[in-house]
PDB file of N, CA and C in Angstrom:
ATOM      1  N   ALA A   1      10.743  -8.629 -10.750  1.00  0.00           N
ATOM      2  CA  ALA A   1       9.828  -8.737  -9.637  1.00  0.00           C
ATOM      3  C   ALA A   1       8.741  -9.737 -10.006  1.00  0.00           C
ATOM      4  N   SER A   2       8.483 -10.652  -9.118  1.00  0.00           N
ATOM      5  CA  SER A   2       7.407 -11.626  -9.340  1.00  0.00           C
ATOM      6  C   SER A   2       6.089 -11.031  -8.878  1.00  0.00           C
ATOM      7  N   HIS A   3       5.058 -11.182  -9.693  1.00  0.00           N
ATOM      8  CA  HIS A   3       3.755 -10.621  -9.376  1.00  0.00           C
ATOM      9  C   HIS A   3       2.758 -11.750  -9.148  1.00  0.00           C
ATOM     10  N   TYR A   4       2.398 -11.946  -7.894  1.00  0.00           N
ATOM     11  CA  TYR A   4       1.395 -12.929  -7.509  1.00  0.00           C
ATOM     12  C   TYR A   4       0.064 -12.192  -7.404  1.00  0.00           C
ATOM     13  N   ASP A   5      -0.919 -12.565  -8.214  1.00  0.00           N
ATOM     14  CA  ASP A   5      -2.181 -11.840  -8.269  1.00  0.00           C
ATOM     15  C   ASP A   5      -3.341 -12.820  -8.243  1.00  0.00           C
ATOM     16  N   SER A   6      -4.087 -12.824  -7.156  1.00  0.00           N
ATOM     17  CA  SER A   6      -5.223 -13.738  -7.020  1.00  0.00           C
ATOM     18  C   SER A   6      -6.515 -13.130  -7.549  1.00  0.00           C
ATOM     19  N   SER A   7      -6.453 -11.894  -8.056  1.00  0.00           N
ATOM     20  CA  SER A   7      -7.678 -11.203  -8.451  1.00  0.00           C
ATOM     21  C   SER A   7      -7.833 -11.056  -9.960  1.00  0.00           C
ATOM     22  N   GLY A   8      -7.276 -11.963 -10.716  1.00  0.00           N
ATOM     23  CA  GLY A   8      -7.490 -11.959 -12.157  1.00  0.00           C
ATOM     24  C   GLY A   8      -6.932 -10.755 -12.884  1.00  0.00           C
ATOM     25  N   GLY A   9      -5.867 -10.184 -12.381  1.00  0.00           N
ATOM     26  CA  GLY A   9      -5.227  -9.070 -13.061  1.00  0.00           C
ATOM     27  C   GLY A   9      -5.769  -7.699 -12.706  1.00  0.00           C
ATOM     28  N   GLN A  10      -6.623  -7.609 -11.715  1.00  0.00           N
ATOM     29  CA  GLN A  10      -7.210  -6.315 -11.360  1.00  0.00           C
ATOM     30  C   GLN A  10      -6.178  -5.299 -10.899  1.00  0.00           C
ATOM     31  N   ASN A  11      -5.058  -5.766 -10.370  1.00  0.00           N
ATOM     32  CA  ASN A  11      -4.057  -4.807  -9.895  1.00  0.00           C
ATOM     33  C   ASN A  11      -2.798  -4.812 -10.750  1.00  0.00           C
ATOM     34  N   SER A  12      -2.882  -5.316 -11.963  1.00  0.00           N
ATOM     35  CA  SER A  12      -1.712  -5.397 -12.845  1.00  0.00           C
ATOM     36  C   SER A  12      -1.118  -4.028 -13.168  1.00  0.00           C
ATOM     37  N   ALA A  13      -1.973  -3.051 -13.429  1.00  0.00           N
ATOM     38  CA  ALA A  13      -1.474  -1.721 -13.771  1.00  0.00           C
ATOM     39  C   ALA A  13      -0.694  -1.111 -12.605  1.00  0.00           C
ATOM     40  N   LEU A  14      -1.221  -1.247 -11.401  1.00  0.00           N
ATOM     41  CA  LEU A  14      -0.516  -0.715 -10.227  1.00  0.00           C
ATOM     42  C   LEU A  14       0.787  -1.453  -9.980  1.00  0.00           C
ATOM     43  N   ALA A  15       0.764  -2.767 -10.162  1.00  0.00           N
ATOM     44  CA  ALA A  15       1.987  -3.556  -9.977  1.00  0.00           C
ATOM     45  C   ALA A  15       3.041  -3.155 -11.008  1.00  0.00           C
ATOM     46  N   GLN A  16       2.615  -2.933 -12.250  1.00  0.00           N
ATOM     47  CA  GLN A  16       3.536  -2.516 -13.301  1.00  0.00           C
ATOM     48  C   GLN A  16       4.131  -1.140 -12.990  1.00  0.00           C
ATOM     49  N   GLU A  17       3.291  -0.254 -12.493  1.00  0.00           N
ATOM     50  CA  GLU A  17       3.756   1.089 -12.124  1.00  0.00           C
ATOM     51  C   GLU A  17       4.794   1.017 -11.004  1.00  0.00           C
ATOM     52  N   LEU A  18       4.531   0.210  -9.989  1.00  0.00           N
ATOM     53  CA  LEU A  18       5.480   0.058  -8.891  1.00  0.00           C
ATOM     54  C   LEU A  18       6.787  -0.552  -9.371  1.00  0.00           C
ATOM     55  N   ALA A  19       6.692  -1.586 -10.188  1.00  0.00           N
ATOM     56  CA  ALA A  19       7.903  -2.220 -10.722  1.00  0.00           C
ATOM     57  C   ALA A  19       8.736  -1.215 -11.512  1.00  0.00           C
ATOM     58  N   ALA A  20       8.079  -0.389 -12.322  1.00  0.00           N
ATOM     59  CA  ALA A  20       8.795   0.619 -13.103  1.00  0.00           C
ATOM     60  C   ALA A  20       9.508   1.609 -12.190  1.00  0.00           C
ATOM     61  N   LYS A  21       8.850   2.032 -11.118  1.00  0.00           N
ATOM     62  CA  LYS A  21       9.467   2.965 -10.173  1.00  0.00           C
ATOM     63  C   LYS A  21      10.679   2.348  -9.495  1.00  0.00           C
ATOM     64  N   LEU A  22      10.635   1.030  -9.312  1.00  0.00           N
ATOM     65  CA  LEU A  22      11.756   0.329  -8.671  1.00  0.00           C
ATOM     66  C   LEU A  22      12.818  -0.106  -9.662  1.00  0.00           C
ATOM     67  N   GLY A  23      12.557   0.122 -10.937  1.00  0.00           N
ATOM     68  CA  GLY A  23      13.504  -0.296 -11.967  1.00  0.00           C
ATOM     69  C   GLY A  23      13.518  -1.797 -12.157  1.00  0.00           C
ATOM     70  N   ALA A  24      12.397  -2.448 -11.873  1.00  0.00           N
ATOM     71  CA  ALA A  24      12.306  -3.908 -11.966  1.00  0.00           C
ATOM     72  C   ALA A  24      11.438  -4.293 -13.162  1.00  0.00           C
ATOM     73  N   ARG A  25      11.694  -5.464 -13.671  1.00  0.00           N
ATOM     74  CA  ARG A  25      10.851  -6.023 -14.722  1.00  0.00           C
ATOM     75  C   ARG A  25       9.825  -6.917 -14.046  1.00  0.00           C
ATOM     76  N   LEU A  26       8.561  -6.710 -14.342  1.00  0.00           N
ATOM     77  CA  LEU A  26       7.482  -7.445 -13.698  1.00  0.00           C
ATOM     78  C   LEU A  26       7.212  -8.749 -14.424  1.00  0.00           C
ATOM     79  N   LYS A  27       7.187  -9.844 -13.670  1.00  0.00           N
ATOM     80  CA  LYS A  27       6.902 -11.156 -14.233  1.00  0.00           C
ATOM     81  C   LYS A  27       5.689 -11.751 -13.526  1.00  0.00           C
ATOM     82  N   PRO A  28       4.568 -11.913 -14.237  1.00  0.00           N
ATOM     83  CA  PRO A  28       3.416 -12.575 -13.612  1.00  0.00           C
ATOM     84  C   PRO A  28       3.750 -14.022 -13.276  1.00  0.00           C
ATOM     85  N   VAL A  29       3.237 -14.496 -12.157  1.00  0.00           N
ATOM     86  CA  VAL A  29       3.483 -15.853 -11.689  1.00  0.00           C
ATOM     87  C   VAL A  29       2.137 -16.559 -11.531  1.00  0.00           C
ATOM     88  N   LEU A  30       2.105 -17.852 -11.830  1.00  0.00           N
ATOM     89  CA  LEU A  30       0.864 -18.606 -11.659  1.00  0.00           C
ATOM     90  C   LEU A  30       0.424 -18.539 -10.203  1.00  0.00           C
ATOM     91  N   MET A  31      -0.843 -18.204 -10.020  1.00  0.00           N
ATOM     92  CA  MET A  31      -1.390 -18.001  -8.680  1.00  0.00           C
ATOM     93  C   MET A  31      -2.835 -18.475  -8.668  1.00  0.00           C
ATOM     94  N   ALA A  32      -3.233 -19.162  -7.607  1.00  0.00           N
ATOM     95  CA  ALA A  32      -4.644 -19.542  -7.438  1.00  0.00           C
ATOM     96  C   ALA A  32      -5.491 -18.276  -7.455  1.00  0.00           C
ATOM     97  N   GLN A  33      -6.704 -18.391  -7.961  1.00  0.00           N
ATOM     98  CA  GLN A  33      -7.579 -17.232  -8.100  1.00  0.00           C
ATOM     99  C   GLN A  33      -8.716 -17.281  -7.084  1.00  0.00           C
ATOM    100  N   GLN A  34      -8.998 -16.138  -6.492  1.00  0.00           N
ATOM    101  CA  GLN A  34     -10.116 -16.039  -5.565  1.00  0.00           C
ATOM    102  C   GLN A  34     -11.408 -15.983  -6.359  1.00  0.00           C
ATOM    103  N   ASP A  35     -12.477 -16.474  -5.773  1.00  0.00           N
ATOM    104  CA  ASP A  35     -13.759 -16.503  -6.472  1.00  0.00           C
ATOM    105  C   ASP A  35     -14.735 -15.457  -5.925  1.00  0.00           C
ATOM    106  N   ASN A  36     -14.184 -14.449  -5.241  1.00  0.00           N
ATOM    107  CA  ASN A  36     -15.016 -13.359  -4.719  1.00  0.00           C
ATOM    108  C   ASN A  36     -14.170 -12.090  -4.709  1.00  0.00           C
ATOM    109  N   ASN A  37     -14.738 -10.999  -4.267  1.00  0.00           N
ATOM    110  CA  ASN A  37     -14.028  -9.717  -4.245  1.00  0.00           C
ATOM    111  C   ASN A  37     -13.521  -9.318  -2.874  1.00  0.00           C
ATOM    112  N   TYR A  38     -13.534 -10.256  -1.914  1.00  0.00           N
ATOM    113  CA  TYR A  38     -13.159  -9.856  -0.560  1.00  0.00           C
ATOM    114  C   TYR A  38     -12.098 -10.727   0.099  1.00  0.00           C
ATOM    115  N   ASP A  39     -11.640 -11.782  -0.523  1.00  0.00           N
ATOM    116  CA  ASP A  39     -10.647 -12.650   0.105  1.00  0.00           C
ATOM    117  C   ASP A  39      -9.208 -12.331  -0.290  1.00  0.00           C
ATOM    118  N   CYS A  40      -8.955 -11.165  -0.877  1.00  0.00           N
ATOM    119  CA  CYS A  40      -7.596 -10.862  -1.319  1.00  0.00           C
ATOM    120  C   CYS A  40      -6.609 -10.876  -0.147  1.00  0.00           C
ATOM    121  N   GLY A  41      -7.013 -10.361   1.005  1.00  0.00           N
ATOM    122  CA  GLY A  41      -6.120 -10.363   2.162  1.00  0.00           C
ATOM    123  C   GLY A  41      -5.783 -11.765   2.631  1.00  0.00           C
ATOM    124  N   VAL A  42      -6.763 -12.657   2.601  1.00  0.00           N
ATOM    125  CA  VAL A  42      -6.525 -14.051   2.976  1.00  0.00           C
ATOM    126  C   VAL A  42      -5.529 -14.675   2.004  1.00  0.00           C
ATOM    127  N   PHE A  43      -5.693 -14.391   0.711  1.00  0.00           N
ATOM    128  CA  PHE A  43      -4.767 -14.917  -0.287  1.00  0.00           C
ATOM    129  C   PHE A  43      -3.363 -14.355  -0.077  1.00  0.00           C
ATOM    130  N   VAL A  44      -3.253 -13.070   0.216  1.00  0.00           N
ATOM    131  CA  VAL A  44      -1.937 -12.467   0.446  1.00  0.00           C
ATOM    132  C   VAL A  44      -1.245 -13.154   1.624  1.00  0.00           C
ATOM    133  N   LEU A  45      -1.964 -13.315   2.722  1.00  0.00           N
ATOM    134  CA  LEU A  45      -1.358 -13.923   3.903  1.00  0.00           C
ATOM    135  C   LEU A  45      -1.012 -15.399   3.677  1.00  0.00           C
ATOM    136  N   ASP A  46      -1.923 -16.156   3.066  1.00  0.00           N
ATOM    137  CA  ASP A  46      -1.645 -17.571   2.823  1.00  0.00           C
ATOM    138  C   ASP A  46      -0.549 -17.766   1.780  1.00  0.00           C
ATOM    139  N   ALA A  47      -0.493 -16.901   0.774  1.00  0.00           N
ATOM    140  CA  ALA A  47       0.572 -16.985  -0.229  1.00  0.00           C
ATOM    141  C   ALA A  47       1.923 -16.659   0.401  1.00  0.00           C
ATOM    142  N   THR A  48       1.962 -15.632   1.234  1.00  0.00           N
ATOM    143  CA  THR A  48       3.202 -15.273   1.923  1.00  0.00           C
ATOM    144  C   THR A  48       3.654 -16.412   2.826  1.00  0.00           C
ATOM    145  N   ARG A  49       2.712 -17.022   3.499  1.00  0.00           N
ATOM    146  CA  ARG A  49       3.023 -18.163   4.372  1.00  0.00           C
ATOM    147  C   ARG A  49       3.591 -19.324   3.555  1.00  0.00           C
ATOM    148  N   ALA A  50       2.997 -19.610   2.405  1.00  0.00           N
ATOM    149  CA  ALA A  50       3.475 -20.702   1.549  1.00  0.00           C
ATOM    150  C   ALA A  50       4.877 -20.406   1.008  1.00  0.00           C
ATOM    151  N   LEU A  51       5.108 -19.188   0.576  1.00  0.00           N
ATOM    152  CA  LEU A  51       6.422 -18.827   0.037  1.00  0.00           C
ATOM    153  C   LEU A  51       7.506 -18.889   1.106  1.00  0.00           C
ATOM    154  N   THR A  52       7.219 -18.348   2.291  1.00  0.00           N
ATOM    155  CA  THR A  52       8.230 -18.377   3.347  1.00  0.00           C
ATOM    156  C   THR A  52       8.468 -19.797   3.846  1.00  0.00           C
ATOM    157  N   ALA A  53       7.435 -20.637   3.855  1.00  0.00           N
ATOM    158  CA  ALA A  53       7.616 -22.038   4.260  1.00  0.00           C
ATOM    159  C   ALA A  53       8.549 -22.753   3.291  1.00  0.00           C
ATOM    160  N   ARG A  54       8.392 -22.496   2.010  1.00  0.00           N
ATOM    161  CA  ARG A  54       9.275 -23.120   1.021  1.00  0.00           C
ATOM    162  C   ARG A  54      10.710 -22.674   1.215  1.00  0.00           C
ATOM    163  N   LEU A  55      10.895 -21.394   1.455  1.00  0.00           N
ATOM    164  CA  LEU A  55      12.251 -20.891   1.675  1.00  0.00           C
ATOM    165  C   LEU A  55      12.829 -21.428   2.978  1.00  0.00           C
ATOM    166  N   ALA A  56      12.014 -21.548   4.022  1.00  0.00           N
ATOM    167  CA  ALA A  56      12.477 -22.077   5.307  1.00  0.00           C
ATOM    168  C   ALA A  56      12.865 -23.545   5.198  1.00  0.00           C
ATOM    169  N   GLU A  57      12.257 -24.251   4.255  1.00  0.00           N
ATOM    170  CA  GLU A  57      12.594 -25.659   4.038  1.00  0.00           C
ATOM    171  C   GLU A  57      13.811 -25.801   3.133  1.00  0.00           C
ATOM    172  N   ALA A  58      14.532 -24.709   2.968  1.00  0.00           N
ATOM    173  CA  ALA A  58      15.759 -24.673   2.183  1.00  0.00           C
ATOM    174  C   ALA A  58      15.518 -24.945   0.712  1.00  0.00           C
ATOM    175  N   GLU A  59      14.374 -24.521   0.188  1.00  0.00           N
ATOM    176  CA  GLU A  59      14.154 -24.578  -1.250  1.00  0.00           C
ATOM    177  C   GLU A  59      14.768 -23.309  -1.822  1.00  0.00           C
ATOM    178  N   PRO A  60      15.984 -23.408  -2.326  1.00  0.00           N
ATOM    179  CA  PRO A  60      16.699 -22.201  -2.737  1.00  0.00           C
ATOM    180  C   PRO A  60      16.071 -21.551  -3.965  1.00  0.00           C
ATOM    181  N   PRO A  61      16.138 -20.238  -4.024  1.00  0.00           N
ATOM    182  CA  PRO A  61      15.676 -19.556  -5.231  1.00  0.00           C
ATOM    183  C   PRO A  61      16.515 -20.008  -6.426  1.00  0.00           C
ATOM    184  N   THR A  62      15.843 -20.277  -7.522  1.00  0.00           N
ATOM    185  CA  THR A  62      16.532 -20.777  -8.709  1.00  0.00           C
ATOM    186  C   THR A  62      16.484 -19.795  -9.866  1.00  0.00           C
ATOM    187  N   GLY A  63      15.948 -18.623  -9.621  1.00  0.00           N
ATOM    188  CA  GLY A  63      15.736 -17.681 -10.704  1.00  0.00           C
ATOM    189  C   GLY A  63      14.366 -17.857 -11.333  1.00  0.00           C
ATOM    190  N   ARG A  64      13.718 -18.963 -11.008  1.00  0.00           N
ATOM    191  CA  ARG A  64      12.348 -19.195 -11.475  1.00  0.00           C
ATOM    192  C   ARG A  64      11.414 -18.923 -10.302  1.00  0.00           C
ATOM    193  N   PRO A  65      10.257 -18.346 -10.586  1.00  0.00           N
ATOM    194  CA  PRO A  65       9.329 -18.058  -9.485  1.00  0.00           C
ATOM    195  C   PRO A  65       8.715 -19.332  -8.913  1.00  0.00           C
ATOM    196  N   LEU A  66       8.325 -19.249  -7.666  1.00  0.00           N
ATOM    197  CA  LEU A  66       7.618 -20.345  -7.020  1.00  0.00           C
ATOM    198  C   LEU A  66       6.132 -20.162  -7.307  1.00  0.00           C
ATOM    199  N   HIS A  67       5.576 -21.043  -8.101  1.00  0.00           N
ATOM    200  CA  HIS A  67       4.170 -20.922  -8.473  1.00  0.00           C
ATOM    201  C   HIS A  67       3.259 -21.268  -7.298  1.00  0.00           C
ATOM    202  N   LEU A  68       2.127 -20.596  -7.238  1.00  0.00           N
ATOM    203  CA  LEU A  68       1.142 -20.824  -6.186  1.00  0.00           C
ATOM    204  C   LEU A  68      -0.221 -21.134  -6.790  1.00  0.00           C
ATOM    205  N   ASP A  69      -0.222 -21.796  -7.942  1.00  0.00           N
ATOM    206  CA  ASP A  69      -1.485 -22.078  -8.616  1.00  0.00           C
ATOM    207  C   ASP A  69      -2.311 -23.141  -7.908  1.00  0.00           C
ATOM    208  N   THR A  70      -1.715 -23.866  -6.971  1.00  0.00           N
ATOM    209  CA  THR A  70      -2.463 -24.871  -6.207  1.00  0.00           C
ATOM    210  C   THR A  70      -2.752 -24.402  -4.773  1.00  0.00           C
ATOM    211  N   LEU A  71      -2.450 -23.155  -4.489  1.00  0.00           N
ATOM    212  CA  LEU A  71      -2.705 -22.599  -3.155  1.00  0.00           C
ATOM    213  C   LEU A  71      -4.195 -22.668  -2.823  1.00  0.00           C
ATOM    214  N   VAL A  72      -4.486 -23.082  -1.618  1.00  0.00           N
ATOM    215  CA  VAL A  72      -5.863 -23.066  -1.133  1.00  0.00           C
ATOM    216  C   VAL A  72      -5.899 -22.080   0.030  1.00  0.00           C
ATOM    217  N   ALA A  73      -6.479 -20.925  -0.220  1.00  0.00           N
ATOM    218  CA  ALA A  73      -6.596 -19.919   0.835  1.00  0.00           C
ATOM    219  C   ALA A  73      -7.798 -20.281   1.689  1.00  0.00           C
ATOM    220  N   ASP A  74      -7.567 -20.383   2.978  1.00  0.00           N
ATOM    221  CA  ASP A  74      -8.610 -20.857   3.885  1.00  0.00           C
ATOM    222  C   ASP A  74      -8.838 -19.825   4.986  1.00  0.00           C
ATOM    223  N   ARG A  75      -9.926 -19.093   4.878  1.00  0.00           N
ATOM    224  CA  ARG A  75     -10.259 -18.035   5.826  1.00  0.00           C
ATOM    225  C   ARG A  75     -10.357 -18.570   7.259  1.00  0.00           C
ATOM    226  N   GLN A  76     -11.008 -19.721   7.460  1.00  0.00           N
ATOM    227  CA  GLN A  76     -11.175 -20.268   8.804  1.00  0.00           C
ATOM    228  C   GLN A  76      -9.835 -20.716   9.386  1.00  0.00           C
ATOM    229  N   ALA A  77      -8.992 -21.348   8.575  1.00  0.00           N
ATOM    230  CA  ALA A  77      -7.683 -21.764   9.062  1.00  0.00           C
ATOM    231  C   ALA A  77      -6.840 -20.554   9.456  1.00  0.00           C
ATOM    232  N   LEU A  78      -6.938 -19.487   8.683  1.00  0.00           N
ATOM    233  CA  LEU A  78      -6.220 -18.264   9.017  1.00  0.00           C
ATOM    234  C   LEU A  78      -6.723 -17.698  10.339  1.00  0.00           C
ATOM    235  N   LEU A  79      -8.023 -17.657  10.509  1.00  0.00           N
ATOM    236  CA  LEU A  79      -8.597 -17.170  11.766  1.00  0.00           C
ATOM    237  C   LEU A  79      -8.138 -18.030  12.938  1.00  0.00           C
ATOM    238  N   ASP A  80      -8.102 -19.342  12.757  1.00  0.00           N
ATOM    239  CA  ASP A  80      -7.650 -20.244  13.820  1.00  0.00           C
ATOM    240  C   ASP A  80      -6.187 -19.978  14.187  1.00  0.00           C
ATOM    241  N   ARG A  81      -5.353 -19.688  13.180  1.00  0.00           N
ATOM    242  CA  ARG A  81      -3.943 -19.388  13.458  1.00  0.00           C
ATOM    243  C   ARG A  81      -3.789 -18.047  14.164  1.00  0.00           C
ATOM    244  N   LEU A  82      -4.646 -17.085  13.831  1.00  0.00           N
ATOM    245  CA  LEU A  82      -4.537 -15.743  14.406  1.00  0.00           C
ATOM    246  C   LEU A  82      -5.199 -15.621  15.774  1.00  0.00           C
ATOM    247  N   ARG A  83      -6.183 -16.456  16.056  1.00  0.00           N
ATOM    248  CA  ARG A  83      -6.961 -16.317  17.288  1.00  0.00           C
ATOM    249  C   ARG A  83      -6.088 -16.223  18.545  1.00  0.00           C
ATOM    250  N   PRO A  84      -5.058 -17.041  18.714  1.00  0.00           N
ATOM    251  CA  PRO A  84      -4.237 -16.901  19.930  1.00  0.00           C
ATOM    252  C   PRO A  84      -3.539 -15.542  20.016  1.00  0.00           C
ATOM    253  N   LEU A  85      -3.333 -14.905  18.892  1.00  0.00           N
ATOM    254  CA  LEU A  85      -2.656 -13.615  18.885  1.00  0.00           C
ATOM    255  C   LEU A  85      -3.596 -12.451  19.151  1.00  0.00           C
ATOM    256  N   ILE A  86      -4.864 -12.616  18.728  1.00  0.00           N
ATOM    257  CA  ILE A  86      -5.807 -11.492  18.838  1.00  0.00           C
ATOM    258  C   ILE A  86      -6.891 -11.718  19.896  1.00  0.00           C
ATOM    259  N   GLY A  87      -6.903 -12.881  20.497  1.00  0.00           N
ATOM    260  CA  GLY A  87      -7.933 -13.189  21.478  1.00  0.00           C
ATOM    261  C   GLY A  87      -9.173 -13.741  20.794  1.00  0.00           C
ATOM    262  N   SER A  88     -10.164 -14.084  21.542  1.00  0.00           N
ATOM    263  CA  SER A  88     -11.350 -14.719  20.993  1.00  0.00           C
ATOM    264  C   SER A  88     -12.333 -13.719  20.438  1.00  0.00           C
ATOM    265  N   GLY A  89     -12.124 -12.424  20.685  1.00  0.00           N
ATOM    266  CA  GLY A  89     -13.030 -11.405  20.137  1.00  0.00           C
ATOM    267  C   GLY A  89     -14.302 -11.284  20.941  1.00  0.00           C
ATOM    268  N   PRO A  90     -15.236 -10.462  20.437  1.00  0.00           N
ATOM    269  CA  PRO A  90     -16.483 -10.227  21.190  1.00  0.00           C
ATOM    270  C   PRO A  90     -17.398 -11.412  21.192  1.00  0.00           C
TER     271      PRO A  90
END
């Protein structure tokens, strides 16, 4: 199991526990790091978007993880993408 962690290892123990329950070996993968304690959700969504885009472009899995160390998580860009789905808000 590839472990993408933007929070400097704060969830490594939980990820290891989950991998063990699934019978998987956990492999940390290079991932851009957030510089605050609240953008983890933005990183999760932007990382998922980057990974699925690579797969959609027919970048086949090679047994090596797709590194995300150059990922730029952008809260405003995410909001702009979501706005048509959630409306303009209050």
